[in-house]
Amino acid sequence: MDTTDPIDLPELASPGYEPAAQGEQAELERSALELTPVFDVPVHIKAVLGRASMDVASLLKLGSGSLIELDRKVGEAIDIYVNNRLVARGELVEVEDRLGVTMTEIIKDGDSQ
């Protein structure tokens, strides 16, 4: 096999994935350049680890070391919101000495529950 031949890995591609033709690739690059003016627009990103409900009396009893039980289990996907809209699900990861989120699923319109 010539080393310049592309390697086809269909088992790694998303269902319905087809590589972009050279003309399509140029169009994608042109579209990305047209978005340049909005690159500096701030967005609010929120990664929700879980939720809990409690009454005010219980809330006032919380102190250092208190435990709040969330509605998610360890290893379950977390929700990722952009400007209060669910856009993805992901997993917590450790990056050096900090926590991060890796997206595992992009939510399409109408897919959110």
Protein backbone atom coordinates (compact mmCIF):
# COMPACT_ATOMS: atom_id res chain seq x y z
CA MET A 1 0.00 0.00 0.00
CA ASP A 2 1.27 3.47 -0.89
CA THR A 3 1.65 5.69 2.19
CA THR A 4 -0.27 8.50 0.47
CA ASP A 5 -3.42 6.39 0.18
CA PRO A 6 -6.14 7.43 2.65
CA ILE A 7 -7.00 4.88 5.31
CA ASP A 8 -10.72 4.15 5.56
CA LEU A 9 -11.88 3.42 9.11
CA PRO A 10 -15.66 3.14 8.76
CA GLU A 11 -16.04 1.39 12.11
CA LEU A 12 -14.80 4.57 13.86
CA ALA A 13 -17.05 6.96 11.95
CA SER A 14 -20.49 8.11 13.10
CA PRO A 15 -23.48 6.49 11.37
CA GLY A 16 -24.07 8.25 8.07
CA TYR A 17 -20.57 9.80 8.09
CA GLU A 18 -19.01 10.43 4.71
CA PRO A 19 -15.67 12.20 4.29
CA ALA A 20 -15.99 15.72 2.89
CA ALA A 21 -14.95 16.14 -0.72
CA GLN A 22 -12.24 18.73 -1.37
CA GLY A 23 -14.82 21.30 -2.54
CA GLU A 24 -16.96 20.64 0.54
CA GLN A 25 -13.90 21.06 2.77
CA ALA A 26 -13.18 24.45 1.21
CA GLU A 27 -16.82 25.45 1.81
CA LEU A 28 -16.56 24.39 5.47
CA GLU A 29 -13.40 26.47 5.89
CA ARG A 30 -15.10 29.45 4.25
CA SER A 31 -18.11 29.04 6.58
CA ALA A 32 -15.81 28.95 9.61
CA LEU A 33 -14.10 32.16 8.48
CA GLU A 34 -17.50 33.87 8.20
CA LEU A 35 -18.06 33.12 11.91
CA THR A 36 -14.91 35.02 12.94
CA PRO A 37 -16.89 38.12 14.11
CA VAL A 38 -18.73 36.06 16.78
CA PHE A 39 -15.67 34.28 18.19
CA ASP A 40 -15.39 36.86 21.00
CA VAL A 41 -19.07 36.71 22.02
CA PRO A 42 -19.18 35.37 25.59
CA VAL A 43 -21.34 32.34 26.34
CA HIS A 44 -22.33 30.85 29.69
CA ILE A 45 -21.39 27.15 30.00
CA LYS A 46 -22.71 25.03 32.84
CA ALA A 47 -21.84 21.39 33.57
CA VAL A 48 -24.47 19.92 35.91
CA LEU A 49 -23.19 17.10 38.09
CA GLY A 50 -26.60 16.45 39.61
CA ARG A 51 -29.52 18.02 41.43
CA ALA A 52 -30.97 17.90 44.92
CA SER A 53 -34.03 19.33 46.63
CA MET A 54 -34.26 20.30 50.29
CA ASP A 55 -36.24 22.62 52.48
CA VAL A 56 -34.79 25.84 53.86
CA ALA A 57 -34.43 24.40 57.38
CA SER A 58 -32.19 21.60 56.05
CA LEU A 59 -30.23 24.08 53.95
CA LEU A 60 -29.53 26.25 57.01
CA LYS A 61 -28.17 23.22 58.89
CA LEU A 62 -25.44 22.61 56.28
CA GLY A 63 -21.91 23.31 57.34
CA SER A 64 -18.37 22.48 56.33
CA GLY A 65 -18.16 18.78 55.50
CA SER A 66 -21.93 18.38 55.02
CA LEU A 67 -23.00 15.89 52.39
CA ILE A 68 -25.70 16.63 49.81
CA GLU A 69 -26.98 13.58 47.96
CA LEU A 70 -27.46 14.24 44.24
CA ASP A 71 -29.80 12.49 41.82
CA ARG A 72 -26.90 10.99 39.82
CA LYS A 73 -24.63 8.05 40.45
CA VAL A 74 -20.85 7.95 40.04
CA GLY A 75 -20.02 7.35 36.39
CA GLU A 76 -23.34 8.64 35.01
CA ALA A 77 -23.23 11.26 32.26
CA ILE A 78 -23.43 14.90 33.25
CA ASP A 79 -25.46 17.52 31.37
CA ILE A 80 -23.69 20.40 29.61
CA TYR A 81 -25.65 23.59 29.03
CA VAL A 82 -24.71 26.59 26.88
CA ASN A 83 -26.74 29.70 27.66
CA ASN A 84 -29.21 27.53 29.64
CA ARG A 85 -29.81 25.18 26.70
CA LEU A 86 -28.88 21.50 26.96
CA VAL A 87 -26.34 20.91 24.18
CA ALA A 88 -24.34 17.86 25.24
CA ARG A 89 -23.66 15.15 27.78
CA GLY A 90 -20.23 14.34 29.07
CA GLU A 91 -17.99 12.84 31.71
CA LEU A 92 -15.79 14.40 34.38
CA VAL A 93 -12.07 14.10 33.75
CA GLU A 94 -9.01 15.16 35.70
CA VAL A 95 -6.65 17.52 33.90
CA GLU A 96 -3.47 17.93 35.95
CA ASP A 97 -4.84 19.11 39.33
CA ARG A 98 -8.19 20.39 38.00
CA LEU A 99 -11.51 18.93 36.92
CA GLY A 100 -12.69 19.13 33.33
CA VAL A 101 -15.50 17.78 31.21
CA THR A 102 -15.20 15.76 28.04
CA MET A 103 -18.23 15.74 25.75
CA THR A 104 -19.44 12.26 24.89
CA GLU A 105 -22.73 13.08 23.17
CA ILE A 106 -24.02 16.13 21.31
CA ILE A 107 -27.73 16.75 21.84
CA LYS A 108 -29.64 17.58 18.68
CA ASP A 109 -32.83 19.68 18.76
CA GLY A 110 -35.66 17.62 20.16
CA ASP A 111 -33.34 14.98 21.71
CA SER A 112 -33.27 16.54 25.18
CA GLN A 113 -35.55 14.97 27.75
